[in-house]
Amino acid sequence: MTSRNFTVTVQERNRDEPCFLVFETNDNIGLGTKAVRLDLRHGTGLSEAQELARKLNANVIRLSIA
């Protein structure tokens, strides 16, 4: 079984601003010191962002640059 090469974490902003997700990579996938960030739509709450992060961490195996 291939181990996951990233972890998705939820990052909060100021009150009334949507959270965002950050993909923290475990392997060098060609990003150098940069990270992948997903900005979520306005109105997305912390619990929704956490659920999305849980699903990505549970179901996606590899992150790569194509």
PDB file of N, CA and C in Angstrom:
ATOM      1  N   MET A   1       0.840  -1.180   0.000  1.00  0.00           N
ATOM      2  CA  MET A   1       0.000   0.000   0.000  1.00  0.00           C
ATOM      3  C   MET A   1       0.887   1.246   0.000  1.00  0.00           C
ATOM      4  N   THR A   2       0.559   2.203  -0.860  1.00  0.00           N
ATOM      5  CA  THR A   2       1.306   3.451  -0.949  1.00  0.00           C
ATOM      6  C   THR A   2       0.852   4.399   0.152  1.00  0.00           C
ATOM      7  N   SER A   3       1.821   4.982   0.839  1.00  0.00           N
ATOM      8  CA  SER A   3       1.451   5.932   1.894  1.00  0.00           C
ATOM      9  C   SER A   3       1.135   7.296   1.285  1.00  0.00           C
ATOM     10  N   ARG A   4       0.272   8.022   1.943  1.00  0.00           N
ATOM     11  CA  ARG A   4      -0.132   9.349   1.501  1.00  0.00           C
ATOM     12  C   ARG A   4       1.069  10.287   1.576  1.00  0.00           C
ATOM     13  N   ASN A   5       1.252  11.151   0.576  1.00  0.00           N
ATOM     14  CA  ASN A   5       2.406  12.053   0.556  1.00  0.00           C
ATOM     15  C   ASN A   5       2.057  13.474   0.972  1.00  0.00           C
ATOM     16  N   PHE A   6       0.898  13.651   1.622  1.00  0.00           N
ATOM     17  CA  PHE A   6       0.497  14.979   2.059  1.00  0.00           C
ATOM     18  C   PHE A   6      -0.463  14.869   3.231  1.00  0.00           C
ATOM     19  N   THR A   7      -0.666  15.987   3.894  1.00  0.00           N
ATOM     20  CA  THR A   7      -1.688  16.126   4.926  1.00  0.00           C
ATOM     21  C   THR A   7      -2.403  17.443   4.667  1.00  0.00           C
ATOM     22  N   VAL A   8      -3.722  17.406   4.715  1.00  0.00           N
ATOM     23  CA  VAL A   8      -4.516  18.618   4.542  1.00  0.00           C
ATOM     24  C   VAL A   8      -4.865  19.160   5.922  1.00  0.00           C
ATOM     25  N   THR A   9      -4.587  20.441   6.136  1.00  0.00           N
ATOM     26  CA  THR A   9      -4.946  21.083   7.396  1.00  0.00           C
ATOM     27  C   THR A   9      -5.870  22.269   7.121  1.00  0.00           C
ATOM     28  N   VAL A  10      -6.687  22.593   8.107  1.00  0.00           N
ATOM     29  CA  VAL A  10      -7.600  23.721   8.015  1.00  0.00           C
ATOM     30  C   VAL A  10      -6.943  24.929   8.670  1.00  0.00           C
ATOM     31  N   GLN A  11      -6.982  26.047   7.983  1.00  0.00           N
ATOM     32  CA  GLN A  11      -6.442  27.287   8.518  1.00  0.00           C
ATOM     33  C   GLN A  11      -7.592  28.290   8.626  1.00  0.00           C
ATOM     34  N   GLU A  12      -7.666  28.967   9.745  1.00  0.00           N
ATOM     35  CA  GLU A  12      -8.721  29.960   9.946  1.00  0.00           C
ATOM     36  C   GLU A  12      -8.205  31.356   9.630  1.00  0.00           C
ATOM     37  N   ARG A  13      -9.128  32.204   9.252  1.00  0.00           N
ATOM     38  CA  ARG A  13      -8.825  33.616   9.020  1.00  0.00           C
ATOM     39  C   ARG A  13      -9.520  34.418  10.104  1.00  0.00           C
ATOM     40  N   ASN A  14      -9.748  35.670   9.840  1.00  0.00           N
ATOM     41  CA  ASN A  14     -10.483  36.515  10.777  1.00  0.00           C
ATOM     42  C   ASN A  14     -11.943  36.102  10.841  1.00  0.00           C
ATOM     43  N   ARG A  15     -12.615  36.548  11.859  1.00  0.00           N
ATOM     44  CA  ARG A  15     -14.036  36.258  12.020  1.00  0.00           C
ATOM     45  C   ARG A  15     -14.809  36.694  10.767  1.00  0.00           C
ATOM     46  N   ASP A  16     -15.777  35.897  10.379  1.00  0.00           N
ATOM     47  CA  ASP A  16     -16.627  36.134   9.212  1.00  0.00           C
ATOM     48  C   ASP A  16     -15.902  35.987   7.880  1.00  0.00           C
ATOM     49  N   GLU A  17     -14.691  35.448   7.886  1.00  0.00           N
ATOM     50  CA  GLU A  17     -13.987  35.142   6.647  1.00  0.00           C
ATOM     51  C   GLU A  17     -13.883  33.623   6.531  1.00  0.00           C
ATOM     52  N   PRO A  18     -13.974  33.094   5.306  1.00  0.00           N
ATOM     53  CA  PRO A  18     -13.938  31.639   5.149  1.00  0.00           C
ATOM     54  C   PRO A  18     -12.576  31.055   5.499  1.00  0.00           C
ATOM     55  N   CYS A  19     -12.606  29.825   5.982  1.00  0.00           N
ATOM     56  CA  CYS A  19     -11.367  29.087   6.238  1.00  0.00           C
ATOM     57  C   CYS A  19     -10.726  28.727   4.897  1.00  0.00           C
ATOM     58  N   PHE A  20      -9.513  28.233   4.951  1.00  0.00           N
ATOM     59  CA  PHE A  20      -8.879  27.689   3.757  1.00  0.00           C
ATOM     60  C   PHE A  20      -8.149  26.418   4.138  1.00  0.00           C
ATOM     61  N   LEU A  21      -7.868  25.588   3.149  1.00  0.00           N
ATOM     62  CA  LEU A  21      -7.159  24.331   3.362  1.00  0.00           C
ATOM     63  C   LEU A  21      -5.747  24.456   2.818  1.00  0.00           C
ATOM     64  N   VAL A  22      -4.806  23.859   3.509  1.00  0.00           N
ATOM     65  CA  VAL A  22      -3.415  23.837   3.066  1.00  0.00           C
ATOM     66  C   VAL A  22      -2.978  22.386   2.935  1.00  0.00           C
ATOM     67  N   PHE A  23      -2.391  22.052   1.790  1.00  0.00           N
ATOM     68  CA  PHE A  23      -1.817  20.731   1.570  1.00  0.00           C
ATOM     69  C   PHE A  23      -0.351  20.799   1.978  1.00  0.00           C
ATOM     70  N   GLU A  24       0.003  20.138   3.060  1.00  0.00           N
ATOM     71  CA  GLU A  24       1.389  20.076   3.519  1.00  0.00           C
ATOM     72  C   GLU A  24       1.985  18.787   2.976  1.00  0.00           C
ATOM     73  N   THR A  25       2.971  18.910   2.085  1.00  0.00           N
ATOM     74  CA  THR A  25       3.516  17.726   1.426  1.00  0.00           C
ATOM     75  C   THR A  25       4.624  17.087   2.256  1.00  0.00           C
ATOM     76  N   ASN A  26       4.672  15.759   2.200  1.00  0.00           N
ATOM     77  CA  ASN A  26       5.708  14.988   2.890  1.00  0.00           C
ATOM     78  C   ASN A  26       6.879  14.681   1.963  1.00  0.00           C
ATOM     79  N   ASP A  27       6.639  14.711   0.662  1.00  0.00           N
ATOM     80  CA  ASP A  27       7.660  14.417  -0.338  1.00  0.00           C
ATOM     81  C   ASP A  27       7.886  15.653  -1.197  1.00  0.00           C
ATOM     82  N   ASN A  28       9.015  15.686  -1.883  1.00  0.00           N
ATOM     83  CA  ASN A  28       9.268  16.765  -2.829  1.00  0.00           C
ATOM     84  C   ASN A  28       8.474  16.469  -4.090  1.00  0.00           C
ATOM     85  N   ILE A  29       7.428  17.240  -4.335  1.00  0.00           N
ATOM     86  CA  ILE A  29       6.598  17.016  -5.523  1.00  0.00           C
ATOM     87  C   ILE A  29       6.797  18.127  -6.549  1.00  0.00           C
ATOM     88  N   GLY A  30       7.842  18.914  -6.394  1.00  0.00           N
ATOM     89  CA  GLY A  30       8.147  19.949  -7.363  1.00  0.00           C
ATOM     90  C   GLY A  30       7.678  21.340  -6.981  1.00  0.00           C
ATOM     91  N   LEU A  31       7.236  21.524  -5.747  1.00  0.00           N
ATOM     92  CA  LEU A  31       6.777  22.838  -5.315  1.00  0.00           C
ATOM     93  C   LEU A  31       7.856  23.654  -4.615  1.00  0.00           C
ATOM     94  N   GLY A  32       8.974  23.036  -4.315  1.00  0.00           N
ATOM     95  CA  GLY A  32       9.998  23.729  -3.536  1.00  0.00           C
ATOM     96  C   GLY A  32       9.473  24.003  -2.140  1.00  0.00           C
ATOM     97  N   THR A  33       9.572  25.243  -1.692  1.00  0.00           N
ATOM     98  CA  THR A  33       9.109  25.587  -0.347  1.00  0.00           C
ATOM     99  C   THR A  33       7.664  26.090  -0.350  1.00  0.00           C
ATOM    100  N   LYS A  34       7.012  26.072  -1.503  1.00  0.00           N
ATOM    101  CA  LYS A  34       5.634  26.556  -1.602  1.00  0.00           C
ATOM    102  C   LYS A  34       4.654  25.458  -1.225  1.00  0.00           C
ATOM    103  N   ALA A  35       3.452  25.875  -0.862  1.00  0.00           N
ATOM    104  CA  ALA A  35       2.394  24.934  -0.509  1.00  0.00           C
ATOM    105  C   ALA A  35       1.189  25.171  -1.406  1.00  0.00           C
ATOM    106  N   VAL A  36       0.318  24.188  -1.472  1.00  0.00           N
ATOM    107  CA  VAL A  36      -0.935  24.309  -2.202  1.00  0.00           C
ATOM    108  C   VAL A  36      -2.002  24.752  -1.210  1.00  0.00           C
ATOM    109  N   ARG A  37      -2.746  25.781  -1.569  1.00  0.00           N
ATOM    110  CA  ARG A  37      -3.805  26.294  -0.706  1.00  0.00           C
ATOM    111  C   ARG A  37      -5.113  26.313  -1.480  1.00  0.00           C
ATOM    112  N   LEU A  38      -6.176  25.849  -0.846  1.00  0.00           N
ATOM    113  CA  LEU A  38      -7.510  25.905  -1.430  1.00  0.00           C
ATOM    114  C   LEU A  38      -8.316  26.940  -0.673  1.00  0.00           C
ATOM    115  N   ASP A  39      -8.696  28.008  -1.350  1.00  0.00           N
ATOM    116  CA  ASP A  39      -9.565  29.017  -0.745  1.00  0.00           C
ATOM    117  C   ASP A  39     -11.001  28.543  -0.907  1.00  0.00           C
ATOM    118  N   LEU A  40     -11.744  28.520   0.176  1.00  0.00           N
ATOM    119  CA  LEU A  40     -13.123  28.067   0.159  1.00  0.00           C
ATOM    120  C   LEU A  40     -14.060  29.254  -0.018  1.00  0.00           C
ATOM    121  N   ARG A  41     -15.240  28.981  -0.535  1.00  0.00           N
ATOM    122  CA  ARG A  41     -16.182  30.063  -0.832  1.00  0.00           C
ATOM    123  C   ARG A  41     -16.640  30.753   0.445  1.00  0.00           C
ATOM    124  N   HIS A  42     -17.030  32.006   0.305  1.00  0.00           N
ATOM    125  CA  HIS A  42     -17.522  32.781   1.434  1.00  0.00           C
ATOM    126  C   HIS A  42     -18.735  32.075   2.031  1.00  0.00           C
ATOM    127  N   GLY A  43     -18.791  32.009   3.324  1.00  0.00           N
ATOM    128  CA  GLY A  43     -19.878  31.319   4.006  1.00  0.00           C
ATOM    129  C   GLY A  43     -19.523  29.916   4.445  1.00  0.00           C
ATOM    130  N   THR A  44     -18.361  29.419   4.013  1.00  0.00           N
ATOM    131  CA  THR A  44     -17.931  28.093   4.443  1.00  0.00           C
ATOM    132  C   THR A  44     -17.474  28.173   5.889  1.00  0.00           C
ATOM    133  N   GLY A  45     -18.079  27.363   6.728  1.00  0.00           N
ATOM    134  CA  GLY A  45     -17.751  27.373   8.143  1.00  0.00           C
ATOM    135  C   GLY A  45     -16.612  26.436   8.497  1.00  0.00           C
ATOM    136  N   LEU A  46     -16.165  26.534   9.727  1.00  0.00           N
ATOM    137  CA  LEU A  46     -15.062  25.700  10.211  1.00  0.00           C
ATOM    138  C   LEU A  46     -15.422  24.226  10.127  1.00  0.00           C
ATOM    139  N   SER A  47     -16.622  23.849  10.514  1.00  0.00           N
ATOM    140  CA  SER A  47     -16.990  22.428  10.493  1.00  0.00           C
ATOM    141  C   SER A  47     -17.017  21.888   9.065  1.00  0.00           C
ATOM    142  N   GLU A  48     -17.455  22.686   8.103  1.00  0.00           N
ATOM    143  CA  GLU A  48     -17.449  22.257   6.701  1.00  0.00           C
ATOM    144  C   GLU A  48     -16.016  22.086   6.198  1.00  0.00           C
ATOM    145  N   ALA A  49     -15.149  23.012   6.541  1.00  0.00           N
ATOM    146  CA  ALA A  49     -13.746  22.926   6.127  1.00  0.00           C
ATOM    147  C   ALA A  49     -13.076  21.703   6.757  1.00  0.00           C
ATOM    148  N   GLN A  50     -13.358  21.433   8.014  1.00  0.00           N
ATOM    149  CA  GLN A  50     -12.779  20.266   8.684  1.00  0.00           C
ATOM    150  C   GLN A  50     -13.270  18.970   8.057  1.00  0.00           C
ATOM    151  N   GLU A  51     -14.541  18.917   7.690  1.00  0.00           N
ATOM    152  CA  GLU A  51     -15.088  17.717   7.047  1.00  0.00           C
ATOM    153  C   GLU A  51     -14.431  17.487   5.694  1.00  0.00           C
ATOM    154  N   LEU A  52     -14.239  18.545   4.918  1.00  0.00           N
ATOM    155  CA  LEU A  52     -13.566  18.417   3.630  1.00  0.00           C
ATOM    156  C   LEU A  52     -12.129  17.943   3.816  1.00  0.00           C
ATOM    157  N   ALA A  53     -11.420  18.496   4.785  1.00  0.00           N
ATOM    158  CA  ALA A  53     -10.046  18.066   5.063  1.00  0.00           C
ATOM    159  C   ALA A  53     -10.015  16.595   5.462  1.00  0.00           C
ATOM    160  N   ARG A  54     -10.955  16.166   6.305  1.00  0.00           N
ATOM    161  CA  ARG A  54     -11.018  14.749   6.711  1.00  0.00           C
ATOM    162  C   ARG A  54     -11.238  13.846   5.501  1.00  0.00           C
ATOM    163  N   LYS A  55     -12.137  14.245   4.614  1.00  0.00           N
ATOM    164  CA  LYS A  55     -12.407  13.431   3.426  1.00  0.00           C
ATOM    165  C   LYS A  55     -11.193  13.343   2.513  1.00  0.00           C
ATOM    166  N   LEU A  56     -10.517  14.462   2.297  1.00  0.00           N
ATOM    167  CA  LEU A  56      -9.314  14.444   1.454  1.00  0.00           C
ATOM    168  C   LEU A  56      -8.220  13.584   2.081  1.00  0.00           C
ATOM    169  N   ASN A  57      -8.010  13.737   3.389  1.00  0.00           N
ATOM    170  CA  ASN A  57      -6.979  12.945   4.063  1.00  0.00           C
ATOM    171  C   ASN A  57      -7.313  11.458   4.047  1.00  0.00           C
ATOM    172  N   ALA A  58      -8.586  11.105   4.084  1.00  0.00           N
ATOM    173  CA  ALA A  58      -8.998   9.697   4.146  1.00  0.00           C
ATOM    174  C   ALA A  58      -9.039   9.036   2.769  1.00  0.00           C
ATOM    175  N   ASN A  59      -9.275   9.816   1.700  1.00  0.00           N
ATOM    176  CA  ASN A  59      -9.556   9.199   0.402  1.00  0.00           C
ATOM    177  C   ASN A  59      -8.536   9.447  -0.691  1.00  0.00           C
ATOM    178  N   VAL A  60      -7.710  10.455  -0.569  1.00  0.00           N
ATOM    179  CA  VAL A  60      -6.730  10.757  -1.618  1.00  0.00           C
ATOM    180  C   VAL A  60      -5.365  10.233  -1.188  1.00  0.00           C
ATOM    181  N   ILE A  61      -4.707   9.499  -2.078  1.00  0.00           N
ATOM    182  CA  ILE A  61      -3.418   8.877  -1.738  1.00  0.00           C
ATOM    183  C   ILE A  61      -2.229   9.758  -2.094  1.00  0.00           C
ATOM    184  N   ARG A  62      -2.220  10.304  -3.295  1.00  0.00           N
ATOM    185  CA  ARG A  62      -1.038  11.033  -3.763  1.00  0.00           C
ATOM    186  C   ARG A  62      -1.419  12.409  -4.306  1.00  0.00           C
ATOM    187  N   LEU A  63      -0.594  13.372  -4.038  1.00  0.00           N
ATOM    188  CA  LEU A  63      -0.688  14.713  -4.606  1.00  0.00           C
ATOM    189  C   LEU A  63       0.514  14.874  -5.522  1.00  0.00           C
ATOM    190  N   SER A  64       0.285  15.313  -6.747  1.00  0.00           N
ATOM    191  CA  SER A  64       1.398  15.486  -7.683  1.00  0.00           C
ATOM    192  C   SER A  64       1.134  16.679  -8.578  1.00  0.00           C
ATOM    193  N   ILE A  65       2.186  17.171  -9.198  1.00  0.00           N
ATOM    194  CA  ILE A  65       2.105  18.270 -10.140  1.00  0.00           C
ATOM    195  C   ILE A  65       2.128  17.648 -11.536  1.00  0.00           C
ATOM    196  N   ALA A  66       1.132  17.959 -12.344  1.00  0.00           N
ATOM    197  CA  ALA A  66       1.043  17.360 -13.686  1.00  0.00           C
ATOM    198  C   ALA A  66       1.502  18.350 -14.735  1.00  0.00           C
TER     199      ALA A  66
END
